[in-house]
Amino acid sequence: MSNVIPFKKPSLKKKAKEKTLCSHGFHKWKVVTKNQFDSKAGKLVTTYRCERCGKKKNEAL
């Protein structure tokens, strides 16, 4: 007979980490009001940070 390998069901925590909204491009952006001025370009800059994953994006006005 062959060896029987027990398959373990992945935990919900691991499953959720693989299929989060942020990994599919649906971030939850929030405006960071700490730094609003870019000294190199001399423009007002809006900085956004995702509440779930912490990714940052900048937008110049």
PDB file of N, CA and C in Angstrom:
ATOM      1  N   MET A   1       0.829  -1.189   0.000  1.00  0.00           N
ATOM      2  CA  MET A   1       0.000   0.000   0.000  1.00  0.00           C
ATOM      3  C   MET A   1       0.871   1.249   0.000  1.00  0.00           C
ATOM      4  N   SER A   2       0.256   2.328  -0.409  1.00  0.00           N
ATOM      5  CA  SER A   2       0.995   3.595  -0.449  1.00  0.00           C
ATOM      6  C   SER A   2       0.825   4.358   0.864  1.00  0.00           C
ATOM      7  N   ASN A   3       1.690   5.327   1.031  1.00  0.00           N
ATOM      8  CA  ASN A   3       1.612   6.161   2.229  1.00  0.00           C
ATOM      9  C   ASN A   3       0.484   7.177   2.081  1.00  0.00           C
ATOM     10  N   VAL A   4      -0.254   7.382   3.141  1.00  0.00           N
ATOM     11  CA  VAL A   4      -1.352   8.344   3.134  1.00  0.00           C
ATOM     12  C   VAL A   4      -0.844   9.645   3.737  1.00  0.00           C
ATOM     13  N   ILE A   5      -0.989  10.731   2.981  1.00  0.00           N
ATOM     14  CA  ILE A   5      -0.534  12.042   3.446  1.00  0.00           C
ATOM     15  C   ILE A   5      -1.751  12.823   3.940  1.00  0.00           C
ATOM     16  N   PRO A   6      -1.750  13.229   5.205  1.00  0.00           N
ATOM     17  CA  PRO A   6      -2.891  14.019   5.690  1.00  0.00           C
ATOM     18  C   PRO A   6      -2.797  15.462   5.186  1.00  0.00           C
ATOM     19  N   PHE A   7      -3.822  15.920   4.496  1.00  0.00           N
ATOM     20  CA  PHE A   7      -3.846  17.295   4.007  1.00  0.00           C
ATOM     21  C   PHE A   7      -4.457  18.186   5.074  1.00  0.00           C
ATOM     22  N   LYS A   8      -3.747  19.260   5.364  1.00  0.00           N
ATOM     23  CA  LYS A   8      -4.198  20.179   6.404  1.00  0.00           C
ATOM     24  C   LYS A   8      -4.935  21.354   5.758  1.00  0.00           C
ATOM     25  N   LYS A   9      -6.087  21.683   6.287  1.00  0.00           N
ATOM     26  CA  LYS A   9      -6.876  22.799   5.783  1.00  0.00           C
ATOM     27  C   LYS A   9      -6.183  24.101   6.191  1.00  0.00           C
ATOM     28  N   PRO A  10      -5.988  25.048   5.257  1.00  0.00           N
ATOM     29  CA  PRO A  10      -5.323  26.306   5.615  1.00  0.00           C
ATOM     30  C   PRO A  10      -6.171  27.112   6.594  1.00  0.00           C
ATOM     31  N   SER A  11      -5.497  27.783   7.522  1.00  0.00           N
ATOM     32  CA  SER A  11      -6.212  28.572   8.523  1.00  0.00           C
ATOM     33  C   SER A  11      -6.876  29.784   7.873  1.00  0.00           C
ATOM     34  N   LEU A  12      -7.885  30.317   8.524  1.00  0.00           N
ATOM     35  CA  LEU A  12      -8.597  31.475   7.989  1.00  0.00           C
ATOM     36  C   LEU A  12      -7.693  32.696   7.912  1.00  0.00           C
ATOM     37  N   LYS A  13      -6.766  32.800   8.852  1.00  0.00           N
ATOM     38  CA  LYS A  13      -5.838  33.932   8.870  1.00  0.00           C
ATOM     39  C   LYS A  13      -4.958  33.919   7.622  1.00  0.00           C
ATOM     40  N   LYS A  14      -4.451  32.745   7.275  1.00  0.00           N
ATOM     41  CA  LYS A  14      -3.594  32.617   6.098  1.00  0.00           C
ATOM     42  C   LYS A  14      -4.397  32.835   4.816  1.00  0.00           C
ATOM     43  N   LYS A  15      -5.619  32.327   4.794  1.00  0.00           N
ATOM     44  CA  LYS A  15      -6.482  32.485   3.636  1.00  0.00           C
ATOM     45  C   LYS A  15      -6.795  33.958   3.382  1.00  0.00           C
ATOM     46  N   ALA A  16      -7.091  34.696   4.438  1.00  0.00           N
ATOM     47  CA  ALA A  16      -7.435  36.109   4.315  1.00  0.00           C
ATOM     48  C   ALA A  16      -6.233  36.934   3.887  1.00  0.00           C
ATOM     49  N   LYS A  17      -5.052  36.552   4.321  1.00  0.00           N
ATOM     50  CA  LYS A  17      -3.845  37.296   3.965  1.00  0.00           C
ATOM     51  C   LYS A  17      -3.560  37.189   2.468  1.00  0.00           C
ATOM     52  N   GLU A  18      -3.886  36.064   1.884  1.00  0.00           N
ATOM     53  CA  GLU A  18      -3.640  35.856   0.458  1.00  0.00           C
ATOM     54  C   GLU A  18      -4.640  36.608  -0.410  1.00  0.00           C
ATOM     55  N   LYS A  19      -5.844  36.806   0.070  1.00  0.00           N
ATOM     56  CA  LYS A  19      -6.912  37.373  -0.755  1.00  0.00           C
ATOM     57  C   LYS A  19      -7.429  38.696  -0.199  1.00  0.00           C
ATOM     58  N   THR A  20      -6.552  39.572   0.207  1.00  0.00           N
ATOM     59  CA  THR A  20      -7.002  40.849   0.740  1.00  0.00           C
ATOM     60  C   THR A  20      -7.371  41.793  -0.388  1.00  0.00           C
ATOM     61  N   LEU A  21      -8.102  42.816  -0.042  1.00  0.00           N
ATOM     62  CA  LEU A  21      -8.517  43.803  -1.032  1.00  0.00           C
ATOM     63  C   LEU A  21      -7.314  44.557  -1.586  1.00  0.00           C
ATOM     64  N   CYS A  22      -6.343  44.858  -0.735  1.00  0.00           N
ATOM     65  CA  CYS A  22      -5.181  45.637  -1.168  1.00  0.00           C
ATOM     66  C   CYS A  22      -4.360  44.900  -2.225  1.00  0.00           C
ATOM     67  N   SER A  23      -4.269  43.605  -2.122  1.00  0.00           N
ATOM     68  CA  SER A  23      -3.482  42.857  -3.106  1.00  0.00           C
ATOM     69  C   SER A  23      -4.130  42.875  -4.486  1.00  0.00           C
ATOM     70  N   HIS A  24      -5.421  43.200  -4.538  1.00  0.00           N
ATOM     71  CA  HIS A  24      -6.130  43.302  -5.813  1.00  0.00           C
ATOM     72  C   HIS A  24      -6.302  44.748  -6.258  1.00  0.00           C
ATOM     73  N   GLY A  25      -5.669  45.686  -5.549  1.00  0.00           N
ATOM     74  CA  GLY A  25      -5.692  47.083  -5.964  1.00  0.00           C
ATOM     75  C   GLY A  25      -6.784  47.933  -5.340  1.00  0.00           C
ATOM     76  N   PHE A  26      -7.517  47.398  -4.386  1.00  0.00           N
ATOM     77  CA  PHE A  26      -8.584  48.154  -3.732  1.00  0.00           C
ATOM     78  C   PHE A  26      -8.111  48.617  -2.359  1.00  0.00           C
ATOM     79  N   HIS A  27      -7.336  49.703  -2.355  1.00  0.00           N
ATOM     80  CA  HIS A  27      -6.790  50.229  -1.112  1.00  0.00           C
ATOM     81  C   HIS A  27      -7.812  51.114  -0.415  1.00  0.00           C
ATOM     82  N   LYS A  28      -7.571  51.360   0.857  1.00  0.00           N
ATOM     83  CA  LYS A  28      -8.415  52.253   1.652  1.00  0.00           C
ATOM     84  C   LYS A  28      -7.565  53.473   1.982  1.00  0.00           C
ATOM     85  N   TRP A  29      -7.533  54.459   1.055  1.00  0.00           N
ATOM     86  CA  TRP A  29      -6.646  55.603   1.168  1.00  0.00           C
ATOM     87  C   TRP A  29      -7.150  56.593   2.207  1.00  0.00           C
ATOM     88  N   LYS A  30      -6.198  57.129   2.986  1.00  0.00           N
ATOM     89  CA  LYS A  30      -6.486  58.160   3.970  1.00  0.00           C
ATOM     90  C   LYS A  30      -5.416  59.232   3.823  1.00  0.00           C
ATOM     91  N   VAL A  31      -5.810  60.503   3.909  1.00  0.00           N
ATOM     92  CA  VAL A  31      -4.884  61.615   3.722  1.00  0.00           C
ATOM     93  C   VAL A  31      -4.001  61.754   4.953  1.00  0.00           C
ATOM     94  N   VAL A  32      -2.681  61.877   4.717  1.00  0.00           N
ATOM     95  CA  VAL A  32      -1.718  62.131   5.787  1.00  0.00           C
ATOM     96  C   VAL A  32      -1.444  63.628   5.782  1.00  0.00           C
ATOM     97  N   THR A  33      -1.704  64.298   6.895  1.00  0.00           N
ATOM     98  CA  THR A  33      -1.588  65.760   6.941  1.00  0.00           C
ATOM     99  C   THR A  33      -0.288  66.231   7.577  1.00  0.00           C
ATOM    100  N   LYS A  34       0.662  65.356   7.773  1.00  0.00           N
ATOM    101  CA  LYS A  34       1.919  65.744   8.418  1.00  0.00           C
ATOM    102  C   LYS A  34       2.780  66.631   7.515  1.00  0.00           C
ATOM    103  N   ASN A  35       3.083  66.170   6.313  1.00  0.00           N
ATOM    104  CA  ASN A  35       3.916  66.922   5.370  1.00  0.00           C
ATOM    105  C   ASN A  35       3.075  67.302   4.155  1.00  0.00           C
ATOM    106  N   GLN A  36       2.878  68.616   3.955  1.00  0.00           N
ATOM    107  CA  GLN A  36       2.062  69.049   2.825  1.00  0.00           C
ATOM    108  C   GLN A  36       2.866  69.805   1.776  1.00  0.00           C
ATOM    109  N   PHE A  37       4.138  70.072   2.029  1.00  0.00           N
ATOM    110  CA  PHE A  37       4.918  70.898   1.118  1.00  0.00           C
ATOM    111  C   PHE A  37       6.155  70.139   0.674  1.00  0.00           C
ATOM    112  N   ASP A  38       6.383  70.078  -0.633  1.00  0.00           N
ATOM    113  CA  ASP A  38       7.564  69.424  -1.193  1.00  0.00           C
ATOM    114  C   ASP A  38       8.621  70.486  -1.427  1.00  0.00           C
ATOM    115  N   SER A  39       9.753  70.390  -0.750  1.00  0.00           N
ATOM    116  CA  SER A  39      10.771  71.440  -0.829  1.00  0.00           C
ATOM    117  C   SER A  39      11.531  71.423  -2.160  1.00  0.00           C
ATOM    118  N   LYS A  40      11.652  70.272  -2.816  1.00  0.00           N
ATOM    119  CA  LYS A  40      12.393  70.201  -4.079  1.00  0.00           C
ATOM    120  C   LYS A  40      11.604  70.830  -5.224  1.00  0.00           C
ATOM    121  N   ALA A  41      10.339  70.487  -5.348  1.00  0.00           N
ATOM    122  CA  ALA A  41       9.524  71.007  -6.441  1.00  0.00           C
ATOM    123  C   ALA A  41       8.848  72.325  -6.075  1.00  0.00           C
ATOM    124  N   GLY A  42       8.731  72.619  -4.796  1.00  0.00           N
ATOM    125  CA  GLY A  42       8.077  73.842  -4.353  1.00  0.00           C
ATOM    126  C   GLY A  42       6.583  73.831  -4.571  1.00  0.00           C
ATOM    127  N   LYS A  43       5.965  72.668  -4.449  1.00  0.00           N
ATOM    128  CA  LYS A  43       4.529  72.530  -4.680  1.00  0.00           C
ATOM    129  C   LYS A  43       3.862  71.908  -3.461  1.00  0.00           C
ATOM    130  N   LEU A  44       2.561  72.116  -3.382  1.00  0.00           N
ATOM    131  CA  LEU A  44       1.788  71.423  -2.361  1.00  0.00           C
ATOM    132  C   LEU A  44       1.591  69.975  -2.800  1.00  0.00           C
ATOM    133  N   VAL A  45       1.794  69.073  -1.878  1.00  0.00           N
ATOM    134  CA  VAL A  45       1.699  67.650  -2.182  1.00  0.00           C
ATOM    135  C   VAL A  45       0.743  67.000  -1.189  1.00  0.00           C
ATOM    136  N   THR A  46      -0.184  66.216  -1.699  1.00  0.00           N
ATOM    137  CA  THR A  46      -1.082  65.449  -0.845  1.00  0.00           C
ATOM    138  C   THR A  46      -0.540  64.029  -0.765  1.00  0.00           C
ATOM    139  N   THR A  47      -0.311  63.564   0.451  1.00  0.00           N
ATOM    140  CA  THR A  47       0.193  62.217   0.664  1.00  0.00           C
ATOM    141  C   THR A  47      -0.936  61.347   1.192  1.00  0.00           C
ATOM    142  N   TYR A  48      -1.104  60.204   0.563  1.00  0.00           N
ATOM    143  CA  TYR A  48      -2.122  59.247   0.984  1.00  0.00           C
ATOM    144  C   TYR A  48      -1.433  58.005   1.535  1.00  0.00           C
ATOM    145  N   ARG A  49      -2.031  57.386   2.549  1.00  0.00           N
ATOM    146  CA  ARG A  49      -1.525  56.132   3.115  1.00  0.00           C
ATOM    147  C   ARG A  49      -2.701  55.166   3.253  1.00  0.00           C
ATOM    148  N   CYS A  50      -2.487  53.930   2.830  1.00  0.00           N
ATOM    149  CA  CYS A  50      -3.523  52.909   2.943  1.00  0.00           C
ATOM    150  C   CYS A  50      -3.638  52.483   4.404  1.00  0.00           C
ATOM    151  N   GLU A  51      -4.869  52.450   4.907  1.00  0.00           N
ATOM    152  CA  GLU A  51      -5.085  52.082   6.305  1.00  0.00           C
ATOM    153  C   GLU A  51      -4.836  50.604   6.556  1.00  0.00           C
ATOM    154  N   ARG A  52      -5.024  49.772   5.541  1.00  0.00           N
ATOM    155  CA  ARG A  52      -4.864  48.334   5.727  1.00  0.00           C
ATOM    156  C   ARG A  52      -3.418  47.873   5.608  1.00  0.00           C
ATOM    157  N   CYS A  53      -2.744  48.268   4.515  1.00  0.00           N
ATOM    158  CA  CYS A  53      -1.410  47.716   4.247  1.00  0.00           C
ATOM    159  C   CYS A  53      -0.276  48.707   4.485  1.00  0.00           C
ATOM    160  N   GLY A  54      -0.560  50.010   4.566  1.00  0.00           N
ATOM    161  CA  GLY A  54       0.473  51.001   4.837  1.00  0.00           C
ATOM    162  C   GLY A  54       1.170  51.548   3.607  1.00  0.00           C
ATOM    163  N   LYS A  55       0.723  51.198   2.420  1.00  0.00           N
ATOM    164  CA  LYS A  55       1.333  51.692   1.188  1.00  0.00           C
ATOM    165  C   LYS A  55       1.065  53.185   1.050  1.00  0.00           C
ATOM    166  N   LYS A  56       2.047  53.926   0.483  1.00  0.00           N
ATOM    167  CA  LYS A  56       1.921  55.373   0.331  1.00  0.00           C
ATOM    168  C   LYS A  56       1.805  55.752  -1.138  1.00  0.00           C
ATOM    169  N   LYS A  57       1.082  56.857  -1.401  1.00  0.00           N
ATOM    170  CA  LYS A  57       1.070  57.438  -2.739  1.00  0.00           C
ATOM    171  C   LYS A  57       0.989  58.952  -2.587  1.00  0.00           C
ATOM    172  N   ASN A  58       1.622  59.658  -3.514  1.00  0.00           N
ATOM    173  CA  ASN A  58       1.670  61.118  -3.491  1.00  0.00           C
ATOM    174  C   ASN A  58       0.934  61.677  -4.691  1.00  0.00           C
ATOM    175  N   GLU A  59       0.354  62.864  -4.482  1.00  0.00           N
ATOM    176  CA  GLU A  59      -0.349  63.545  -5.560  1.00  0.00           C
ATOM    177  C   GLU A  59      -0.025  65.026  -5.460  1.00  0.00           C
ATOM    178  N   ALA A  60       0.568  65.591  -6.524  1.00  0.00           N
ATOM    179  CA  ALA A  60       0.922  67.009  -6.545  1.00  0.00           C
ATOM    180  C   ALA A  60      -0.269  67.821  -7.031  1.00  0.00           C
ATOM    181  N   LEU A  61      -0.456  68.977  -6.418  1.00  0.00           N
ATOM    182  CA  LEU A  61      -1.563  69.856  -6.817  1.00  0.00           C
ATOM    183  C   LEU A  61      -1.092  70.909  -7.777  1.00  0.00           C
TER     184      LEU A  61
END
